[in-house]
Amino acid sequence: MSDDEPSWLSAEESEAWMALARMLMRLPAALDAQLQRDESITHFEYRVLAGLSMSPEHNLRMSELALFAEGSLSRLSHVVKRLEQREWVYRVPDPADGRYTRAILTDKGRQKVVEAAPGHVAEVRRLVFDPLTKAQQKQLRDIGRRINNAINIEDACPDQ
Protein backbone atom coordinates (compact mmCIF):
# COMPACT_ATOMS: atom_id res chain seq x y z
CA MET A 1 0.00 0.00 0.00
CA SER A 2 1.37 3.42 -0.93
CA ASP A 3 1.40 6.39 1.45
CA ASP A 4 -1.40 7.93 -0.64
CA GLU A 5 -3.63 4.87 -0.18
CA PRO A 6 -6.09 5.28 2.70
CA SER A 7 -5.97 2.78 5.52
CA TRP A 8 -9.47 1.36 5.08
CA LEU A 9 -11.43 0.21 8.09
CA SER A 10 -11.65 -3.51 8.70
CA ALA A 11 -15.11 -5.05 8.82
CA GLU A 12 -15.00 -4.99 12.64
CA GLU A 13 -13.78 -1.36 12.71
CA SER A 14 -16.47 -0.36 10.23
CA GLU A 15 -19.14 -2.01 12.37
CA ALA A 16 -17.85 -0.21 15.49
CA TRP A 17 -17.70 3.10 13.65
CA MET A 18 -21.25 2.75 12.31
CA ALA A 19 -22.57 1.93 15.79
CA LEU A 20 -20.77 4.96 17.26
CA ALA A 21 -21.92 7.27 14.46
CA ARG A 22 -25.51 6.16 14.91
CA MET A 23 -25.31 6.70 18.67
CA LEU A 24 -23.77 10.17 18.15
CA MET A 25 -26.82 11.13 16.11
CA ARG A 26 -29.53 9.43 18.15
CA LEU A 27 -28.45 10.13 21.76
CA PRO A 28 -28.50 13.96 21.56
CA ALA A 29 -31.90 13.81 19.82
CA ALA A 30 -33.28 11.51 22.55
CA LEU A 31 -31.96 13.73 25.37
CA ASP A 32 -33.32 16.82 23.64
CA ALA A 33 -36.73 15.19 23.15
CA GLN A 34 -37.03 14.31 26.86
CA LEU A 35 -36.09 17.82 28.01
CA GLN A 36 -38.41 19.49 25.50
CA ARG A 37 -41.30 17.16 26.37
CA ASP A 38 -40.91 17.38 30.15
CA GLU A 39 -39.38 20.84 30.71
CA SER A 40 -39.91 22.84 27.48
CA ILE A 41 -36.15 23.44 27.15
CA THR A 42 -33.54 22.13 24.75
CA HIS A 43 -30.57 20.03 25.79
CA PHE A 44 -28.29 22.98 24.94
CA GLU A 45 -30.35 25.30 27.17
CA TYR A 46 -30.10 22.71 29.94
CA ARG A 47 -26.30 22.54 29.51
CA VAL A 48 -26.10 26.34 29.81
CA LEU A 49 -28.24 26.40 32.95
CA ALA A 50 -26.37 23.42 34.44
CA GLY A 51 -22.98 25.00 33.69
CA LEU A 52 -23.99 28.16 35.49
CA SER A 53 -25.51 26.24 38.40
CA MET A 54 -22.28 24.27 38.92
CA SER A 55 -20.00 27.31 38.76
CA PRO A 56 -18.92 29.29 41.82
CA GLU A 57 -21.42 32.09 42.49
CA HIS A 58 -23.52 30.73 39.57
CA ASN A 59 -21.86 32.85 36.89
CA LEU A 60 -19.29 32.44 34.11
CA ARG A 61 -17.75 34.44 31.32
CA MET A 62 -19.67 33.75 28.14
CA SER A 63 -16.53 32.27 26.55
CA GLU A 64 -16.15 29.80 29.45
CA LEU A 65 -19.82 28.91 29.29
CA ALA A 66 -19.56 28.27 25.54
CA LEU A 67 -16.74 25.80 26.20
CA PHE A 68 -18.75 24.02 28.88
CA ALA A 69 -21.89 23.84 26.74
CA GLU A 70 -19.90 22.76 23.65
CA GLY A 71 -21.27 25.58 21.53
CA SER A 72 -20.07 28.65 19.70
CA LEU A 73 -20.26 32.10 21.28
CA SER A 74 -22.80 33.07 18.63
CA ARG A 75 -25.09 30.13 19.43
CA LEU A 76 -24.67 30.74 23.15
CA SER A 77 -25.53 34.41 22.76
CA HIS A 78 -28.82 33.53 21.02
CA VAL A 79 -29.69 30.96 23.68
CA VAL A 80 -28.81 33.28 26.57
CA LYS A 81 -31.05 35.93 25.01
CA ARG A 82 -33.96 33.43 25.16
CA LEU A 83 -33.03 32.49 28.74
CA GLU A 84 -32.97 36.19 29.66
CA GLN A 85 -36.51 36.56 28.29
CA ARG A 86 -37.58 33.78 30.66
CA GLU A 87 -35.73 35.56 33.50
CA TRP A 88 -33.47 32.55 34.08
CA VAL A 89 -30.20 34.31 33.21
CA TYR A 90 -28.90 37.83 32.84
CA ARG A 91 -25.69 39.29 31.47
CA VAL A 92 -23.36 41.95 32.85
CA PRO A 93 -19.96 43.28 31.86
CA ASP A 94 -17.19 41.36 33.64
CA PRO A 95 -16.05 43.59 36.55
CA ALA A 96 -12.49 42.20 36.21
CA ASP A 97 -12.30 43.05 32.50
CA GLY A 98 -15.10 44.96 30.78
CA ARG A 99 -14.18 43.47 27.41
CA TYR A 100 -15.88 40.27 28.59
CA THR A 101 -19.48 39.51 29.48
CA ARG A 102 -20.59 37.30 32.34
CA ALA A 103 -23.77 35.23 32.33
CA ILE A 104 -25.42 34.99 35.75
CA LEU A 105 -28.01 32.42 36.78
CA THR A 106 -31.08 33.90 38.49
CA ASP A 107 -33.03 32.23 41.29
CA LYS A 108 -35.72 31.34 38.72
CA GLY A 109 -33.03 29.81 36.48
CA ARG A 110 -31.61 27.80 39.36
CA GLN A 111 -35.10 26.53 40.16
CA LYS A 112 -35.57 25.49 36.51
CA VAL A 113 -32.36 23.47 36.42
CA VAL A 114 -33.23 21.87 39.80
CA GLU A 115 -36.63 20.88 38.37
CA ALA A 116 -35.17 19.57 35.10
CA ALA A 117 -32.22 17.65 36.53
CA PRO A 118 -34.01 14.55 37.92
CA GLY A 119 -35.76 13.75 34.63
CA HIS A 120 -32.63 14.43 32.61
CA VAL A 121 -30.47 12.25 34.86
CA ALA A 122 -33.07 9.47 34.74
CA GLU A 123 -33.03 9.59 30.93
CA VAL A 124 -29.21 9.56 30.83
CA ARG A 125 -29.24 6.59 33.19
CA ARG A 126 -31.89 4.76 31.13
CA LEU A 127 -30.21 5.35 27.77
CA VAL A 128 -26.51 5.19 28.67
CA PHE A 129 -25.78 3.47 31.96
CA ASP A 130 -28.55 0.90 32.48
CA PRO A 131 -27.73 -1.05 29.29
CA LEU A 132 -24.05 -1.37 30.34
CA THR A 133 -22.23 -3.40 32.96
CA LYS A 134 -20.00 -1.59 35.47
CA ALA A 135 -16.96 -2.73 33.46
CA GLN A 136 -18.50 -1.37 30.24
CA GLN A 137 -19.26 1.95 31.97
CA LYS A 138 -15.58 2.26 32.91
CA GLN A 139 -14.60 1.35 29.36
CA LEU A 140 -17.01 3.96 28.01
CA ARG A 141 -15.40 6.61 30.23
CA ASP A 142 -11.92 5.59 29.11
CA ILE A 143 -12.92 5.42 25.44
CA GLY A 144 -14.59 8.84 25.64
CA ARG A 145 -11.48 10.35 27.20
CA ARG A 146 -9.18 8.81 24.60
CA ILE A 147 -11.30 9.99 21.67
CA ASN A 148 -11.70 13.48 23.15
CA ASN A 149 -7.93 13.69 23.66
CA ALA A 150 -7.35 12.65 20.04
CA ILE A 151 -9.60 15.43 18.75
CA ASN A 152 -7.68 18.58 17.88
CA ILE A 153 -8.33 21.12 20.63
CA GLU A 154 -8.79 23.84 17.99
CA ASP A 155 -11.62 21.84 16.45
CA ALA A 156 -13.56 21.09 19.61
CA CYS A 157 -14.14 22.21 23.15
CA PRO A 158 -11.84 20.61 25.75
CA ASP A 159 -13.01 17.88 28.08
CA GLN A 160 -14.58 19.36 31.22
C-alpha atoms as a PDB file:
ATOM      1  CA  MET A   1       0.000   0.000   0.000  1.00  0.00           C
ATOM      2  CA  SER A   2       1.372   3.418  -0.933  1.00  0.00           C
ATOM      3  CA  ASP A   3       1.402   6.387   1.446  1.00  0.00           C
ATOM      4  CA  ASP A   4      -1.400   7.931  -0.639  1.00  0.00           C
ATOM      5  CA  GLU A   5      -3.630   4.874  -0.178  1.00  0.00           C
ATOM      6  CA  PRO A   6      -6.094   5.280   2.697  1.00  0.00           C
ATOM      7  CA  SER A   7      -5.966   2.782   5.524  1.00  0.00           C
ATOM      8  CA  TRP A   8      -9.466   1.362   5.079  1.00  0.00           C
ATOM      9  CA  LEU A   9     -11.425   0.206   8.086  1.00  0.00           C
ATOM     10  CA  SER A  10     -11.649  -3.506   8.699  1.00  0.00           C
ATOM     11  CA  ALA A  11     -15.111  -5.052   8.818  1.00  0.00           C
ATOM     12  CA  GLU A  12     -15.002  -4.989  12.643  1.00  0.00           C
ATOM     13  CA  GLU A  13     -13.782  -1.356  12.714  1.00  0.00           C
ATOM     14  CA  SER A  14     -16.466  -0.362  10.234  1.00  0.00           C
ATOM     15  CA  GLU A  15     -19.137  -2.011  12.368  1.00  0.00           C
ATOM     16  CA  ALA A  16     -17.850  -0.211  15.493  1.00  0.00           C
ATOM     17  CA  TRP A  17     -17.705   3.097  13.650  1.00  0.00           C
ATOM     18  CA  MET A  18     -21.251   2.751  12.310  1.00  0.00           C
ATOM     19  CA  ALA A  19     -22.567   1.929  15.794  1.00  0.00           C
ATOM     20  CA  LEU A  20     -20.771   4.957  17.261  1.00  0.00           C
ATOM     21  CA  ALA A  21     -21.918   7.275  14.461  1.00  0.00           C
ATOM     22  CA  ARG A  22     -25.513   6.155  14.906  1.00  0.00           C
ATOM     23  CA  MET A  23     -25.307   6.704  18.671  1.00  0.00           C
ATOM     24  CA  LEU A  24     -23.773  10.167  18.147  1.00  0.00           C
ATOM     25  CA  MET A  25     -26.823  11.131  16.106  1.00  0.00           C
ATOM     26  CA  ARG A  26     -29.533   9.425  18.154  1.00  0.00           C
ATOM     27  CA  LEU A  27     -28.454  10.134  21.756  1.00  0.00           C
ATOM     28  CA  PRO A  28     -28.499  13.957  21.562  1.00  0.00           C
ATOM     29  CA  ALA A  29     -31.898  13.813  19.822  1.00  0.00           C
ATOM     30  CA  ALA A  30     -33.282  11.511  22.554  1.00  0.00           C
ATOM     31  CA  LEU A  31     -31.963  13.728  25.366  1.00  0.00           C
ATOM     32  CA  ASP A  32     -33.317  16.820  23.637  1.00  0.00           C
ATOM     33  CA  ALA A  33     -36.732  15.186  23.151  1.00  0.00           C
ATOM     34  CA  GLN A  34     -37.028  14.311  26.863  1.00  0.00           C
ATOM     35  CA  LEU A  35     -36.093  17.818  28.006  1.00  0.00           C
ATOM     36  CA  GLN A  36     -38.408  19.490  25.502  1.00  0.00           C
ATOM     37  CA  ARG A  37     -41.300  17.164  26.366  1.00  0.00           C
ATOM     38  CA  ASP A  38     -40.908  17.384  30.149  1.00  0.00           C
ATOM     39  CA  GLU A  39     -39.376  20.839  30.708  1.00  0.00           C
ATOM     40  CA  SER A  40     -39.905  22.839  27.480  1.00  0.00           C
ATOM     41  CA  ILE A  41     -36.154  23.438  27.153  1.00  0.00           C
ATOM     42  CA  THR A  42     -33.537  22.130  24.751  1.00  0.00           C
ATOM     43  CA  HIS A  43     -30.565  20.034  25.789  1.00  0.00           C
ATOM     44  CA  PHE A  44     -28.295  22.976  24.940  1.00  0.00           C
ATOM     45  CA  GLU A  45     -30.347  25.297  27.167  1.00  0.00           C
ATOM     46  CA  TYR A  46     -30.096  22.708  29.937  1.00  0.00           C
ATOM     47  CA  ARG A  47     -26.297  22.536  29.508  1.00  0.00           C
ATOM     48  CA  VAL A  48     -26.100  26.336  29.807  1.00  0.00           C
ATOM     49  CA  LEU A  49     -28.241  26.400  32.949  1.00  0.00           C
ATOM     50  CA  ALA A  50     -26.366  23.421  34.436  1.00  0.00           C
ATOM     51  CA  GLY A  51     -22.978  25.001  33.691  1.00  0.00           C
ATOM     52  CA  LEU A  52     -23.993  28.158  35.493  1.00  0.00           C
ATOM     53  CA  SER A  53     -25.512  26.240  38.404  1.00  0.00           C
ATOM     54  CA  MET A  54     -22.278  24.273  38.916  1.00  0.00           C
ATOM     55  CA  SER A  55     -19.999  27.306  38.758  1.00  0.00           C
ATOM     56  CA  PRO A  56     -18.919  29.293  41.821  1.00  0.00           C
ATOM     57  CA  GLU A  57     -21.417  32.088  42.486  1.00  0.00           C
ATOM     58  CA  HIS A  58     -23.517  30.733  39.566  1.00  0.00           C
ATOM     59  CA  ASN A  59     -21.855  32.855  36.894  1.00  0.00           C
ATOM     60  CA  LEU A  60     -19.293  32.440  34.110  1.00  0.00           C
ATOM     61  CA  ARG A  61     -17.751  34.438  31.323  1.00  0.00           C
ATOM     62  CA  MET A  62     -19.670  33.750  28.140  1.00  0.00           C
ATOM     63  CA  SER A  63     -16.530  32.266  26.552  1.00  0.00           C
ATOM     64  CA  GLU A  64     -16.146  29.796  29.450  1.00  0.00           C
ATOM     65  CA  LEU A  65     -19.823  28.912  29.290  1.00  0.00           C
ATOM     66  CA  ALA A  66     -19.561  28.270  25.536  1.00  0.00           C
ATOM     67  CA  LEU A  67     -16.735  25.802  26.198  1.00  0.00           C
ATOM     68  CA  PHE A  68     -18.745  24.024  28.881  1.00  0.00           C
ATOM     69  CA  ALA A  69     -21.888  23.840  26.739  1.00  0.00           C
ATOM     70  CA  GLU A  70     -19.899  22.760  23.649  1.00  0.00           C
ATOM     71  CA  GLY A  71     -21.271  25.580  21.529  1.00  0.00           C
ATOM     72  CA  SER A  72     -20.069  28.652  19.698  1.00  0.00           C
ATOM     73  CA  LEU A  73     -20.264  32.100  21.280  1.00  0.00           C
ATOM     74  CA  SER A  74     -22.802  33.068  18.626  1.00  0.00           C
ATOM     75  CA  ARG A  75     -25.087  30.125  19.429  1.00  0.00           C
ATOM     76  CA  LEU A  76     -24.666  30.741  23.148  1.00  0.00           C
ATOM     77  CA  SER A  77     -25.534  34.413  22.757  1.00  0.00           C
ATOM     78  CA  HIS A  78     -28.822  33.530  21.018  1.00  0.00           C
ATOM     79  CA  VAL A  79     -29.686  30.961  23.683  1.00  0.00           C
ATOM     80  CA  VAL A  80     -28.809  33.283  26.572  1.00  0.00           C
ATOM     81  CA  LYS A  81     -31.051  35.925  25.015  1.00  0.00           C
ATOM     82  CA  ARG A  82     -33.956  33.429  25.158  1.00  0.00           C
ATOM     83  CA  LEU A  83     -33.034  32.487  28.736  1.00  0.00           C
ATOM     84  CA  GLU A  84     -32.973  36.191  29.665  1.00  0.00           C
ATOM     85  CA  GLN A  85     -36.510  36.555  28.288  1.00  0.00           C
ATOM     86  CA  ARG A  86     -37.583  33.776  30.664  1.00  0.00           C
ATOM     87  CA  GLU A  87     -35.729  35.561  33.498  1.00  0.00           C
ATOM     88  CA  TRP A  88     -33.471  32.549  34.085  1.00  0.00           C
ATOM     89  CA  VAL A  89     -30.199  34.308  33.213  1.00  0.00           C
ATOM     90  CA  TYR A  90     -28.904  37.832  32.836  1.00  0.00           C
ATOM     91  CA  ARG A  91     -25.688  39.291  31.469  1.00  0.00           C
ATOM     92  CA  VAL A  92     -23.365  41.946  32.852  1.00  0.00           C
ATOM     93  CA  PRO A  93     -19.956  43.282  31.859  1.00  0.00           C
ATOM     94  CA  ASP A  94     -17.193  41.363  33.636  1.00  0.00           C
ATOM     95  CA  PRO A  95     -16.046  43.587  36.550  1.00  0.00           C
ATOM     96  CA  ALA A  96     -12.493  42.201  36.211  1.00  0.00           C
ATOM     97  CA  ASP A  97     -12.299  43.053  32.501  1.00  0.00           C
ATOM     98  CA  GLY A  98     -15.098  44.960  30.782  1.00  0.00           C
ATOM     99  CA  ARG A  99     -14.183  43.471  27.414  1.00  0.00           C
ATOM    100  CA  TYR A 100     -15.878  40.266  28.590  1.00  0.00           C
ATOM    101  CA  THR A 101     -19.478  39.510  29.484  1.00  0.00           C
ATOM    102  CA  ARG A 102     -20.587  37.300  32.342  1.00  0.00           C
ATOM    103  CA  ALA A 103     -23.773  35.232  32.333  1.00  0.00           C
ATOM    104  CA  ILE A 104     -25.416  34.994  35.748  1.00  0.00           C
ATOM    105  CA  LEU A 105     -28.009  32.423  36.784  1.00  0.00           C
ATOM    106  CA  THR A 106     -31.078  33.898  38.491  1.00  0.00           C
ATOM    107  CA  ASP A 107     -33.034  32.231  41.288  1.00  0.00           C
ATOM    108  CA  LYS A 108     -35.721  31.340  38.718  1.00  0.00           C
ATOM    109  CA  GLY A 109     -33.034  29.808  36.484  1.00  0.00           C
ATOM    110  CA  ARG A 110     -31.615  27.804  39.360  1.00  0.00           C
ATOM    111  CA  GLN A 111     -35.105  26.526  40.156  1.00  0.00           C
ATOM    112  CA  LYS A 112     -35.574  25.490  36.514  1.00  0.00           C
ATOM    113  CA  VAL A 113     -32.363  23.468  36.419  1.00  0.00           C
ATOM    114  CA  VAL A 114     -33.226  21.869  39.795  1.00  0.00           C
ATOM    115  CA  GLU A 115     -36.633  20.877  38.373  1.00  0.00           C
ATOM    116  CA  ALA A 116     -35.168  19.575  35.098  1.00  0.00           C
ATOM    117  CA  ALA A 117     -32.218  17.646  36.531  1.00  0.00           C
ATOM    118  CA  PRO A 118     -34.006  14.552  37.920  1.00  0.00           C
ATOM    119  CA  GLY A 119     -35.760  13.748  34.633  1.00  0.00           C
ATOM    120  CA  HIS A 120     -32.634  14.429  32.612  1.00  0.00           C
ATOM    121  CA  VAL A 121     -30.471  12.251  34.864  1.00  0.00           C
ATOM    122  CA  ALA A 122     -33.073   9.466  34.736  1.00  0.00           C
ATOM    123  CA  GLU A 123     -33.026   9.593  30.929  1.00  0.00           C
ATOM    124  CA  VAL A 124     -29.209   9.561  30.827  1.00  0.00           C
ATOM    125  CA  ARG A 125     -29.238   6.590  33.189  1.00  0.00           C
ATOM    126  CA  ARG A 126     -31.886   4.758  31.128  1.00  0.00           C
ATOM    127  CA  LEU A 127     -30.214   5.351  27.773  1.00  0.00           C
ATOM    128  CA  VAL A 128     -26.510   5.186  28.668  1.00  0.00           C
ATOM    129  CA  PHE A 129     -25.781   3.468  31.958  1.00  0.00           C
ATOM    130  CA  ASP A 130     -28.552   0.903  32.479  1.00  0.00           C
ATOM    131  CA  PRO A 131     -27.731  -1.051  29.286  1.00  0.00           C
ATOM    132  CA  LEU A 132     -24.052  -1.369  30.338  1.00  0.00           C
ATOM    133  CA  THR A 133     -22.232  -3.399  32.955  1.00  0.00           C
ATOM    134  CA  LYS A 134     -20.000  -1.588  35.473  1.00  0.00           C
ATOM    135  CA  ALA A 135     -16.959  -2.730  33.458  1.00  0.00           C
ATOM    136  CA  GLN A 136     -18.498  -1.373  30.238  1.00  0.00           C
ATOM    137  CA  GLN A 137     -19.259   1.949  31.967  1.00  0.00           C
ATOM    138  CA  LYS A 138     -15.582   2.260  32.913  1.00  0.00           C
ATOM    139  CA  GLN A 139     -14.595   1.348  29.358  1.00  0.00           C
ATOM    140  CA  LEU A 140     -17.014   3.961  28.014  1.00  0.00           C
ATOM    141  CA  ARG A 141     -15.405   6.610  30.227  1.00  0.00           C
ATOM    142  CA  ASP A 142     -11.921   5.593  29.115  1.00  0.00           C
ATOM    143  CA  ILE A 143     -12.916   5.420  25.439  1.00  0.00           C
ATOM    144  CA  GLY A 144     -14.590   8.836  25.635  1.00  0.00           C
ATOM    145  CA  ARG A 145     -11.479  10.355  27.196  1.00  0.00           C
ATOM    146  CA  ARG A 146      -9.181   8.813  24.596  1.00  0.00           C
ATOM    147  CA  ILE A 147     -11.296   9.990  21.670  1.00  0.00           C
ATOM    148  CA  ASN A 148     -11.704  13.476  23.149  1.00  0.00           C
ATOM    149  CA  ASN A 149      -7.934  13.691  23.664  1.00  0.00           C
ATOM    150  CA  ALA A 150      -7.349  12.647  20.039  1.00  0.00           C
ATOM    151  CA  ILE A 151      -9.601  15.431  18.750  1.00  0.00           C
ATOM    152  CA  ASN A 152      -7.679  18.576  17.885  1.00  0.00           C
ATOM    153  CA  ILE A 153      -8.330  21.116  20.629  1.00  0.00           C
ATOM    154  CA  GLU A 154      -8.786  23.840  17.989  1.00  0.00           C
ATOM    155  CA  ASP A 155     -11.625  21.843  16.451  1.00  0.00           C
ATOM    156  CA  ALA A 156     -13.560  21.092  19.614  1.00  0.00           C
ATOM    157  CA  CYS A 157     -14.140  22.210  23.147  1.00  0.00           C
ATOM    158  CA  PRO A 158     -11.844  20.608  25.753  1.00  0.00           C
ATOM    159  CA  ASP A 159     -13.014  17.880  28.084  1.00  0.00           C
ATOM    160  CA  GLN A 160     -14.579  19.360  31.224  1.00  0.00           C
END
